């Protein structure tokens, strides 16, 4: 039964029989037969069938919800039994919104010092992708904005996000100790794309100051933004924590933006499930140890 539920989760993730079978390391006929056997066992149709995958029936969606719970509990049980025998080991899958990606090391470095037998995957994902992949058991935890609508998730605040205007070192504002949002709006900007939550926050900050900005360039890559700033034409707005975490070239300079408004909070996001796996439990404990007091 557990194997069949794992196949069903893979089908929900891939939305394609062939790709789901490949992800599970089995043939497509084997996966199709397993789903059919699960339908016969439960006495309901789970999948809308056609020449290609067309989605789940209402009963299939309900079984999918139960399947996530059962598979999650089974994985947690296996990990807990293994940890009691050999100590904490295994692999943690962590994602982060792009602007928080460099901050993942705040958790991984001390976590690895405590648990050297644990390895990690760190992925860059949007908030929507993070929530979907946490729900579908593709991720164990993530770093993102914890004051957003996160549904069935728990959070541990880590730090308040403040912002810098990043400009070429030759720019008149580069010598300033700080700038304000009206000054930021006068700089030709390259910004993250509108689907990125950080961009939505920046737009909100500008609107609160009575400003509207049409960026000269939009990208979902922070590297692309910084490369255009370095070319000497434009500026960009980035979290101060990010500018401190990466080594910026001497040809560009981050200038703090004075902000008296509410600052977003970045933290650990993990599923609302009990019991948690031993790895996620240990990661949550690490987050509580390293969360900034002002963010709690």
C-alpha atoms as a PDB file:
ATOM      1  CA  UNK A   1       0.000   0.000   0.000  1.00  0.00           C
ATOM      2  CA  UNK A   2       2.777   2.493   0.915  1.00  0.00           C
ATOM      3  CA  UNK A   3       4.520   1.949  -2.427  1.00  0.00           C
ATOM      4  CA  UNK A   4       1.270   2.585  -4.290  1.00  0.00           C
ATOM      5  CA  UNK A   5       0.687   5.793  -2.333  1.00  0.00           C
ATOM      6  CA  UNK A   6       4.246   6.894  -3.151  1.00  0.00           C
ATOM      7  CA  UNK A   7       3.437   6.349  -6.855  1.00  0.00           C
ATOM      8  CA  UNK A   8       0.271   8.403  -6.457  1.00  0.00           C
ATOM      9  CA  UNK A   9       2.262  11.264  -4.916  1.00  0.00           C
ATOM     10  CA  UNK A  10       4.733  11.095  -7.785  1.00  0.00           C
ATOM     11  CA  UNK A  11       1.839  11.314 -10.244  1.00  0.00           C
ATOM     12  CA  UNK A  12       0.501  14.384  -8.433  1.00  0.00           C
ATOM     13  CA  UNK A  13       3.950  15.931  -8.557  1.00  0.00           C
ATOM     14  CA  UNK A  14       4.780  15.177 -12.193  1.00  0.00           C
ATOM     15  CA  UNK A  15       1.259  15.407 -13.677  1.00  0.00           C
ATOM     16  CA  UNK A  16       2.347  12.775 -16.223  1.00  0.00           C
ATOM     17  CA  UNK A  17       2.372   8.958 -16.042  1.00  0.00           C
ATOM     18  CA  UNK A  18       5.672   8.546 -17.855  1.00  0.00           C
ATOM     19  CA  UNK A  19       7.578  11.132 -15.810  1.00  0.00           C
ATOM     20  CA  UNK A  20       6.069   9.832 -12.567  1.00  0.00           C
ATOM     21  CA  UNK A  21       7.173   6.293 -13.418  1.00  0.00           C
ATOM     22  CA  UNK A  22      10.666   7.512 -14.266  1.00  0.00           C
ATOM     23  CA  UNK A  23      10.867   9.426 -10.970  1.00  0.00           C
ATOM     24  CA  UNK A  24       9.915   6.236  -9.099  1.00  0.00           C
ATOM     25  CA  UNK A  25      12.374   4.090 -11.040  1.00  0.00           C
ATOM     26  CA  UNK A  26       9.678   1.832 -12.514  1.00  0.00           C
ATOM     27  CA  UNK A  27       8.029   1.344 -15.898  1.00  0.00           C
ATOM     28  CA  UNK A  28       4.908   3.267 -16.881  1.00  0.00           C
ATOM     29  CA  UNK A  29       2.791   0.062 -17.108  1.00  0.00           C
ATOM     30  CA  UNK A  30       3.888  -0.854 -13.566  1.00  0.00           C
ATOM     31  CA  UNK A  31       2.831   2.539 -12.240  1.00  0.00           C
ATOM     32  CA  UNK A  32      -0.495   2.437 -14.106  1.00  0.00           C
ATOM     33  CA  UNK A  33      -1.182  -1.062 -12.773  1.00  0.00           C
ATOM     34  CA  UNK A  34      -0.352   0.056  -9.200  1.00  0.00           C
ATOM     35  CA  UNK A  35      -2.794   2.989  -9.431  1.00  0.00           C
ATOM     36  CA  UNK A  36      -5.445   0.637 -10.841  1.00  0.00           C
ATOM     37  CA  UNK A  37      -4.876  -1.816  -7.974  1.00  0.00           C
ATOM     38  CA  UNK A  38      -5.212   1.038  -5.478  1.00  0.00           C
ATOM     39  CA  UNK A  39      -8.508   2.037  -7.088  1.00  0.00           C
ATOM     40  CA  UNK A  40      -9.766  -1.546  -6.850  1.00  0.00           C
ATOM     41  CA  UNK A  41      -8.710  -1.789  -3.204  1.00  0.00           C
ATOM     42  CA  UNK A  42     -10.475   1.463  -2.280  1.00  0.00           C
ATOM     43  CA  UNK A  43     -13.446   0.930  -4.584  1.00  0.00           C
ATOM     44  CA  UNK A  44     -13.269   4.373  -6.237  1.00  0.00           C
ATOM     45  CA  UNK A  45     -11.748   5.935  -9.334  1.00  0.00           C
ATOM     46  CA  UNK A  46      -8.753   8.090  -8.428  1.00  0.00           C
ATOM     47  CA  UNK A  47      -7.561   9.392 -11.795  1.00  0.00           C
ATOM     48  CA  UNK A  48      -9.437  11.019 -14.682  1.00  0.00           C
ATOM     49  CA  UNK A  49      -8.311   8.874 -17.575  1.00  0.00           C
ATOM     50  CA  UNK A  50      -7.847   9.814 -21.222  1.00  0.00           C
ATOM     51  CA  UNK A  51      -5.084   9.746 -23.788  1.00  0.00           C
ATOM     52  CA  UNK A  52      -2.974  11.555 -21.187  1.00  0.00           C
ATOM     53  CA  UNK A  53      -3.118  12.416 -17.481  1.00  0.00           C
ATOM     54  CA  UNK A  54      -6.081  14.757 -16.887  1.00  0.00           C
ATOM     55  CA  UNK A  55      -6.040  15.104 -13.117  1.00  0.00           C
ATOM     56  CA  UNK A  56      -7.587  13.439 -10.090  1.00  0.00           C
ATOM     57  CA  UNK A  57     -11.228  12.757  -9.332  1.00  0.00           C
ATOM     58  CA  UNK A  58     -12.665  14.333  -6.140  1.00  0.00           C
ATOM     59  CA  UNK A  59     -12.156  10.967  -4.447  1.00  0.00           C
ATOM     60  CA  UNK A  60      -8.619  10.894  -5.814  1.00  0.00           C
ATOM     61  CA  UNK A  61      -7.876  14.289  -4.280  1.00  0.00           C
ATOM     62  CA  UNK A  62      -9.082  13.033  -0.919  1.00  0.00           C
ATOM     63  CA  UNK A  63      -6.982   9.876  -1.179  1.00  0.00           C
ATOM     64  CA  UNK A  64      -4.053  12.083  -2.150  1.00  0.00           C
ATOM     65  CA  UNK A  65      -4.469  14.081   1.076  1.00  0.00           C
ATOM     66  CA  UNK A  66      -4.546  10.881   3.111  1.00  0.00           C
ATOM     67  CA  UNK A  67      -1.627   9.497   1.118  1.00  0.00           C
ATOM     68  CA  UNK A  68       0.559  12.484   1.981  1.00  0.00           C
ATOM     69  CA  UNK A  69      -0.243  11.996   5.656  1.00  0.00           C
ATOM     70  CA  UNK A  70       0.401   8.246   5.603  1.00  0.00           C
ATOM     71  CA  UNK A  71       3.621   8.475   3.582  1.00  0.00           C
ATOM     72  CA  UNK A  72       4.875  11.330   5.762  1.00  0.00           C
ATOM     73  CA  UNK A  73       4.180   9.350   8.943  1.00  0.00           C
ATOM     74  CA  UNK A  74       5.852   6.263   7.487  1.00  0.00           C
ATOM     75  CA  UNK A  75       8.975   8.207   6.558  1.00  0.00           C
ATOM     76  CA  UNK A  76       9.055   9.815  10.002  1.00  0.00           C
ATOM     77  CA  UNK A  77       8.760   6.388  11.656  1.00  0.00           C
ATOM     78  CA  UNK A  78      11.592   4.938   9.573  1.00  0.00           C
ATOM     79  CA  UNK A  79      13.840   7.938  10.267  1.00  0.00           C
ATOM     80  CA  UNK A  80      13.116   7.856  14.001  1.00  0.00           C
ATOM     81  CA  UNK A  81      13.910   4.143  14.259  1.00  0.00           C
ATOM     82  CA  UNK A  82      17.129   4.652  12.305  1.00  0.00           C
ATOM     83  CA  UNK A  83      18.118   7.680  14.417  1.00  0.00           C
ATOM     84  CA  UNK A  84      17.563   5.752  17.652  1.00  0.00           C
ATOM     85  CA  UNK A  85      19.924   3.059  16.368  1.00  0.00           C
ATOM     86  CA  UNK A  86      22.659   4.990  14.541  1.00  0.00           C
ATOM     87  CA  UNK A  87      22.198   8.664  15.481  1.00  0.00           C
ATOM     88  CA  UNK A  88      20.883  11.455  13.285  1.00  0.00           C
ATOM     89  CA  UNK A  89      21.733  10.934   9.619  1.00  0.00           C
ATOM     90  CA  UNK A  90      20.127  11.233   6.220  1.00  0.00           C
ATOM     91  CA  UNK A  91      19.389  14.031   3.777  1.00  0.00           C
ATOM     92  CA  UNK A  92      17.539  17.329   4.265  1.00  0.00           C
ATOM     93  CA  UNK A  93      15.857  19.007   1.281  1.00  0.00           C
ATOM     94  CA  UNK A  94      15.651  22.748   1.886  1.00  0.00           C
ATOM     95  CA  UNK A  95      14.423  25.487  -0.443  1.00  0.00           C
ATOM     96  CA  UNK A  96      14.554  29.259  -0.101  1.00  0.00           C
ATOM     97  CA  UNK A  97      13.126  32.250  -1.876  1.00  0.00           C
ATOM     98  CA  UNK A  98      15.998  33.713  -3.972  1.00  0.00           C
ATOM     99  CA  UNK A  99      16.575  36.693  -1.683  1.00  0.00           C
ATOM    100  CA  UNK A 100      16.979  34.397   1.351  1.00  0.00           C
ATOM    101  CA  UNK A 101      19.125  31.777  -0.366  1.00  0.00           C
ATOM    102  CA  UNK A 102      22.406  33.074   1.054  1.00  0.00           C
ATOM    103  CA  UNK A 103      20.929  32.994   4.580  1.00  0.00           C
ATOM    104  CA  UNK A 104      20.339  29.220   4.568  1.00  0.00           C
ATOM    105  CA  UNK A 105      23.910  28.831   5.808  1.00  0.00           C
ATOM    106  CA  UNK A 106      22.767  30.412   9.107  1.00  0.00           C
ATOM    107  CA  UNK A 107      21.039  27.113   9.819  1.00  0.00           C
ATOM    108  CA  UNK A 108      23.079  24.596   7.856  1.00  0.00           C
ATOM    109  CA  UNK A 109      26.491  25.505   9.300  1.00  0.00           C
ATOM    110  CA  UNK A 110      25.577  25.053  12.995  1.00  0.00           C
ATOM    111  CA  UNK A 111      23.267  22.130  12.173  1.00  0.00           C
ATOM    112  CA  UNK A 112      26.092  20.298  10.390  1.00  0.00           C
ATOM    113  CA  UNK A 113      28.435  20.973  13.303  1.00  0.00           C
ATOM    114  CA  UNK A 114      25.965  19.161  15.574  1.00  0.00           C
ATOM    115  CA  UNK A 115      24.995  16.450  13.075  1.00  0.00           C
ATOM    116  CA  UNK A 116      27.905  15.769  10.688  1.00  0.00           C
ATOM    117  CA  UNK A 117      26.259  12.695   9.109  1.00  0.00           C
ATOM    118  CA  UNK A 118      23.427  14.744   7.558  1.00  0.00           C
ATOM    119  CA  UNK A 119      23.731  15.992   3.970  1.00  0.00           C
ATOM    120  CA  UNK A 120      21.702  18.728   2.288  1.00  0.00           C
ATOM    121  CA  UNK A 121      20.090  19.906  -0.927  1.00  0.00           C
ATOM    122  CA  UNK A 122      19.487  23.669  -1.119  1.00  0.00           C
ATOM    123  CA  UNK A 123      17.183  24.881  -3.900  1.00  0.00           C
ATOM    124  CA  UNK A 124      15.945  28.264  -5.073  1.00  0.00           C
ATOM    125  CA  UNK A 125      12.140  28.403  -5.308  1.00  0.00           C
ATOM    126  CA  UNK A 126       9.329  30.946  -5.319  1.00  0.00           C
ATOM    127  CA  UNK A 127       6.932  31.054  -2.358  1.00  0.00           C
ATOM    128  CA  UNK A 128       4.224  29.296  -4.372  1.00  0.00           C
ATOM    129  CA  UNK A 129       6.599  26.510  -5.391  1.00  0.00           C
ATOM    130  CA  UNK A 130       7.800  26.132  -1.799  1.00  0.00           C
ATOM    131  CA  UNK A 131       4.289  25.675  -0.443  1.00  0.00           C
ATOM    132  CA  UNK A 132       3.315  23.194  -3.160  1.00  0.00           C
ATOM    133  CA  UNK A 133       6.483  21.128  -2.731  1.00  0.00           C
ATOM    134  CA  UNK A 134       6.273  21.083   1.051  1.00  0.00           C
ATOM    135  CA  UNK A 135       2.677  19.895   0.755  1.00  0.00           C
ATOM    136  CA  UNK A 136       3.655  17.172  -1.713  1.00  0.00           C
ATOM    137  CA  UNK A 137       6.601  15.933   0.430  1.00  0.00           C
ATOM    138  CA  UNK A 138       9.192  17.082  -2.124  1.00  0.00           C
ATOM    139  CA  UNK A 139      10.825  19.391   0.443  1.00  0.00           C
ATOM    140  CA  UNK A 140      11.481  19.029   4.157  1.00  0.00           C
ATOM    141  CA  UNK A 141      11.612  22.730   5.034  1.00  0.00           C
ATOM    142  CA  UNK A 142      12.232  26.147   3.510  1.00  0.00           C
ATOM    143  CA  UNK A 143      13.283  29.725   4.180  1.00  0.00           C
ATOM    144  CA  UNK A 144      10.817  32.409   3.160  1.00  0.00           C
ATOM    145  CA  UNK A 145       8.547  35.198   4.299  1.00  0.00           C
ATOM    146  CA  UNK A 146       6.712  33.934   7.356  1.00  0.00           C
ATOM    147  CA  UNK A 147       4.147  36.738   7.492  1.00  0.00           C
ATOM    148  CA  UNK A 148       2.612  35.687   4.167  1.00  0.00           C
ATOM    149  CA  UNK A 149      -0.471  33.476   3.858  1.00  0.00           C
ATOM    150  CA  UNK A 150       1.162  30.073   4.262  1.00  0.00           C
ATOM    151  CA  UNK A 151      -1.796  27.745   4.767  1.00  0.00           C
ATOM    152  CA  UNK A 152      -1.017  24.512   6.584  1.00  0.00           C
ATOM    153  CA  UNK A 153       2.521  25.461   7.599  1.00  0.00           C
ATOM    154  CA  UNK A 154       4.394  26.310  10.770  1.00  0.00           C
ATOM    155  CA  UNK A 155       7.114  28.935  11.006  1.00  0.00           C
ATOM    156  CA  UNK A 156      10.095  30.018  13.094  1.00  0.00           C
ATOM    157  CA  UNK A 157      11.051  33.697  12.540  1.00  0.00           C
ATOM    158  CA  UNK A 158      14.774  34.222  11.924  1.00  0.00           C
ATOM    159  CA  UNK A 159      15.358  37.875  11.004  1.00  0.00           C
ATOM    160  CA  UNK A 160      13.671  41.080   9.882  1.00  0.00           C
ATOM    161  CA  UNK A 161      14.392  41.928   6.261  1.00  0.00           C
ATOM    162  CA  UNK A 162      15.782  45.411   5.632  1.00  0.00           C
ATOM    163  CA  UNK A 163      16.792  46.819   2.253  1.00  0.00           C
ATOM    164  CA  UNK A 164      19.669  48.440   0.414  1.00  0.00           C
ATOM    165  CA  UNK A 165      19.875  50.372  -2.810  1.00  0.00           C
ATOM    166  CA  UNK A 166      22.741  48.819  -4.753  1.00  0.00           C
ATOM    167  CA  UNK A 167      24.377  51.274  -7.169  1.00  0.00           C
ATOM    168  CA  UNK A 168      27.666  51.617  -9.057  1.00  0.00           C
ATOM    169  CA  UNK A 169      30.460  53.024  -6.901  1.00  0.00           C
ATOM    170  CA  UNK A 170      30.564  56.034  -9.240  1.00  0.00           C
ATOM    171  CA  UNK A 171      26.907  56.906  -8.614  1.00  0.00           C
ATOM    172  CA  UNK A 172      26.247  60.118  -6.595  1.00  0.00           C
ATOM    173  CA  UNK A 173      24.279  58.170  -3.978  1.00  0.00           C
ATOM    174  CA  UNK A 174      27.074  55.627  -3.434  1.00  0.00           C
ATOM    175  CA  UNK A 175      28.843  57.900  -0.945  1.00  0.00           C
ATOM    176  CA  UNK A 176      25.746  58.350   1.199  1.00  0.00           C
ATOM    177  CA  UNK A 177      25.296  56.649   4.567  1.00  0.00           C
ATOM    178  CA  UNK A 178      21.639  55.975   3.746  1.00  0.00           C
ATOM    179  CA  UNK A 179      18.864  56.894   1.306  1.00  0.00           C
ATOM    180  CA  UNK A 180      15.077  57.124   1.479  1.00  0.00           C
ATOM    181  CA  UNK A 181      12.489  55.519  -0.807  1.00  0.00           C
ATOM    182  CA  UNK A 182      11.755  58.749  -2.775  1.00  0.00           C
ATOM    183  CA  UNK A 183      15.460  58.872  -3.693  1.00  0.00           C
ATOM    184  CA  UNK A 184      15.402  55.207  -4.671  1.00  0.00           C
ATOM    185  CA  UNK A 185      12.516  55.889  -7.057  1.00  0.00           C
ATOM    186  CA  UNK A 186      14.617  58.411  -8.990  1.00  0.00           C
ATOM    187  CA  UNK A 187      17.276  55.830  -9.849  1.00  0.00           C
ATOM    188  CA  UNK A 188      16.803  53.773 -13.052  1.00  0.00           C
ATOM    189  CA  UNK A 189      16.136  50.389 -11.472  1.00  0.00           C
ATOM    190  CA  UNK A 190      16.430  46.746 -12.409  1.00  0.00           C
ATOM    191  CA  UNK A 191      14.175  44.664 -10.182  1.00  0.00           C
ATOM    192  CA  UNK A 192      13.058  41.107  -9.649  1.00  0.00           C
ATOM    193  CA  UNK A 193      10.063  39.970 -11.699  1.00  0.00           C
ATOM    194  CA  UNK A 194       6.552  40.792 -10.391  1.00  0.00           C
ATOM    195  CA  UNK A 195       5.841  37.149  -9.449  1.00  0.00           C
ATOM    196  CA  UNK A 196       8.654  37.233  -6.876  1.00  0.00           C
ATOM    197  CA  UNK A 197       7.496  38.087  -3.359  1.00  0.00           C
ATOM    198  CA  UNK A 198      10.462  40.375  -2.722  1.00  0.00           C
ATOM    199  CA  UNK A 199       9.463  42.470  -5.747  1.00  0.00           C
ATOM    200  CA  UNK A 200       5.915  42.698  -4.415  1.00  0.00           C
ATOM    201  CA  UNK A 201       7.283  43.948  -1.089  1.00  0.00           C
ATOM    202  CA  UNK A 202       9.456  46.567  -2.816  1.00  0.00           C
ATOM    203  CA  UNK A 203       6.469  47.732  -4.892  1.00  0.00           C
ATOM    204  CA  UNK A 204       4.410  48.030  -1.692  1.00  0.00           C
ATOM    205  CA  UNK A 205       7.151  50.100  -0.050  1.00  0.00           C
ATOM    206  CA  UNK A 206       7.259  52.447  -3.034  1.00  0.00           C
ATOM    207  CA  UNK A 207       3.476  52.782  -3.178  1.00  0.00           C
ATOM    208  CA  UNK A 208       3.394  53.570   0.544  1.00  0.00           C
ATOM    209  CA  UNK A 209       5.721  56.487  -0.221  1.00  0.00           C
ATOM    210  CA  UNK A 210       3.341  57.611  -2.983  1.00  0.00           C
ATOM    211  CA  UNK A 211       5.680  56.438  -5.734  1.00  0.00           C
ATOM    212  CA  UNK A 212       5.313  54.330  -8.866  1.00  0.00           C
ATOM    213  CA  UNK A 213       8.359  52.886 -10.612  1.00  0.00           C
ATOM    214  CA  UNK A 214       8.680  51.350 -14.072  1.00  0.00           C
ATOM    215  CA  UNK A 215      11.885  49.285 -13.902  1.00  0.00           C
ATOM    216  CA  UNK A 216      14.347  49.406 -16.771  1.00  0.00           C
ATOM    217  CA  UNK A 217      14.866  45.638 -16.486  1.00  0.00           C
ATOM    218  CA  UNK A 218      13.160  42.738 -14.715  1.00  0.00           C
ATOM    219  CA  UNK A 219      14.743  39.361 -13.985  1.00  0.00           C
ATOM    220  CA  UNK A 220      14.196  36.362 -11.715  1.00  0.00           C
ATOM    221  CA  UNK A 221      17.971  36.164 -11.220  1.00  0.00           C
ATOM    222  CA  UNK A 222      19.816  38.227  -8.613  1.00  0.00           C
ATOM    223  CA  UNK A 223      23.048  37.578 -10.508  1.00  0.00           C
ATOM    224  CA  UNK A 224      21.497  39.222 -13.573  1.00  0.00           C
ATOM    225  CA  UNK A 225      20.442  42.260 -11.527  1.00  0.00           C
ATOM    226  CA  UNK A 226      23.899  42.701 -10.023  1.00  0.00           C
ATOM    227  CA  UNK A 227      25.624  42.280 -13.384  1.00  0.00           C
ATOM    228  CA  UNK A 228      23.567  45.128 -14.837  1.00  0.00           C
ATOM    229  CA  UNK A 229      24.306  47.326 -11.832  1.00  0.00           C
ATOM    230  CA  UNK A 230      27.993  46.546 -12.259  1.00  0.00           C
ATOM    231  CA  UNK A 231      27.779  47.634 -15.889  1.00  0.00           C
ATOM    232  CA  UNK A 232      27.343  51.138 -14.501  1.00  0.00           C
ATOM    233  CA  UNK A 233      23.888  52.115 -15.707  1.00  0.00           C
ATOM    234  CA  UNK A 234      21.263  51.135 -13.150  1.00  0.00           C
ATOM    235  CA  UNK A 235      20.591  50.339  -9.508  1.00  0.00           C
ATOM    236  CA  UNK A 236      18.652  47.578  -7.774  1.00  0.00           C
ATOM    237  CA  UNK A 237      16.984  46.999  -4.405  1.00  0.00           C
ATOM    238  CA  UNK A 238      18.117  43.945  -2.421  1.00  0.00           C
ATOM    239  CA  UNK A 239      17.810  42.720   1.169  1.00  0.00           C
ATOM    240  CA  UNK A 240      20.635  44.018   3.363  1.00  0.00           C
ATOM    241  CA  UNK A 241      21.262  40.494   4.680  1.00  0.00           C
ATOM    242  CA  UNK A 242      21.916  39.306   1.137  1.00  0.00           C
ATOM    243  CA  UNK A 243      24.393  42.098   0.369  1.00  0.00           C
ATOM    244  CA  UNK A 244      26.300  41.165   3.546  1.00  0.00           C
ATOM    245  CA  UNK A 245      26.264  37.439   2.807  1.00  0.00           C
ATOM    246  CA  UNK A 246      27.734  37.652  -0.690  1.00  0.00           C
ATOM    247  CA  UNK A 247      30.987  39.265  -1.754  1.00  0.00           C
ATOM    248  CA  UNK A 248      30.029  42.313  -3.800  1.00  0.00           C
ATOM    249  CA  UNK A 249      32.635  43.678  -6.222  1.00  0.00           C
ATOM    250  CA  UNK A 250      34.246  46.987  -5.280  1.00  0.00           C
ATOM    251  CA  UNK A 251      32.654  48.573  -8.336  1.00  0.00           C
ATOM    252  CA  UNK A 252      29.208  48.545  -6.698  1.00  0.00           C
ATOM    253  CA  UNK A 253      28.017  49.630  -3.264  1.00  0.00           C
ATOM    254  CA  UNK A 254      24.949  48.840  -1.126  1.00  0.00           C
ATOM    255  CA  UNK A 255      23.409  51.877   0.560  1.00  0.00           C
ATOM    256  CA  UNK A 256      20.910  51.233   3.399  1.00  0.00           C
ATOM    257  CA  UNK A 257      17.362  52.442   2.777  1.00  0.00           C
ATOM    258  CA  UNK A 258      15.762  54.254   5.719  1.00  0.00           C
ATOM    259  CA  UNK A 259      12.424  52.596   6.407  1.00  0.00           C
ATOM    260  CA  UNK A 260      10.143  53.462   9.309  1.00  0.00           C
ATOM    261  CA  UNK A 261       7.421  51.085   8.145  1.00  0.00           C
ATOM    262  CA  UNK A 262       6.806  47.436   8.882  1.00  0.00           C
ATOM    263  CA  UNK A 263       9.645  45.135   7.849  1.00  0.00           C
ATOM    264  CA  UNK A 264       8.966  41.638   6.481  1.00  0.00           C
ATOM    265  CA  UNK A 265      10.144  38.659   8.527  1.00  0.00           C
ATOM    266  CA  UNK A 266      12.116  35.785   7.013  1.00  0.00           C
ATOM    267  CA  UNK A 267      12.082  32.442   8.773  1.00  0.00           C
ATOM    268  CA  UNK A 268      11.935  28.685   8.596  1.00  0.00           C
ATOM    269  CA  UNK A 269       8.782  27.207   7.065  1.00  0.00           C
ATOM    270  CA  UNK A 270       7.857  23.570   7.660  1.00  0.00           C
ATOM    271  CA  UNK A 271       4.708  21.442   7.344  1.00  0.00           C
ATOM    272  CA  UNK A 272       1.995  21.306   9.991  1.00  0.00           C
ATOM    273  CA  UNK A 273       2.367  17.569  10.574  1.00  0.00           C
ATOM    274  CA  UNK A 274       2.827  15.348  13.600  1.00  0.00           C
ATOM    275  CA  UNK A 275       5.091  13.653  14.177  1.00  0.00           C
ATOM    276  CA  UNK A 276       7.860  15.484  12.316  1.00  0.00           C
ATOM    277  CA  UNK A 277      10.813  13.509  11.060  1.00  0.00           C
ATOM    278  CA  UNK A 278      13.855  13.582  13.384  1.00  0.00           C
ATOM    279  CA  UNK A 279      15.743  15.652  10.778  1.00  0.00           C
ATOM    280  CA  UNK A 280      13.051  18.338  10.586  1.00  0.00           C
ATOM    281  CA  UNK A 281      12.663  18.325  14.380  1.00  0.00           C
ATOM    282  CA  UNK A 282      16.401  18.983  14.746  1.00  0.00           C
ATOM    283  CA  UNK A 283      16.280  21.721  12.085  1.00  0.00           C
ATOM    284  CA  UNK A 284      13.388  23.457  13.863  1.00  0.00           C
ATOM    285  CA  UNK A 285      15.364  23.331  17.122  1.00  0.00           C
ATOM    286  CA  UNK A 286      18.326  24.917  15.315  1.00  0.00           C
ATOM    287  CA  UNK A 287      16.079  27.662  13.954  1.00  0.00           C
ATOM    288  CA  UNK A 288      14.816  28.454  17.459  1.00  0.00           C
ATOM    289  CA  UNK A 289      18.427  28.715  18.679  1.00  0.00           C
ATOM    290  CA  UNK A 290      19.465  31.109  15.905  1.00  0.00           C
ATOM    291  CA  UNK A 291      16.308  33.169  15.395  1.00  0.00           C
ATOM    292  CA  UNK A 292      16.844  36.900  15.927  1.00  0.00           C
ATOM    293  CA  UNK A 293      15.142  38.013  19.192  1.00  0.00           C
ATOM    294  CA  UNK A 294      13.609  41.025  17.424  1.00  0.00           C
ATOM    295  CA  UNK A 295      11.934  38.743  14.882  1.00  0.00           C
ATOM    296  CA  UNK A 296      10.207  36.449  17.391  1.00  0.00           C
END
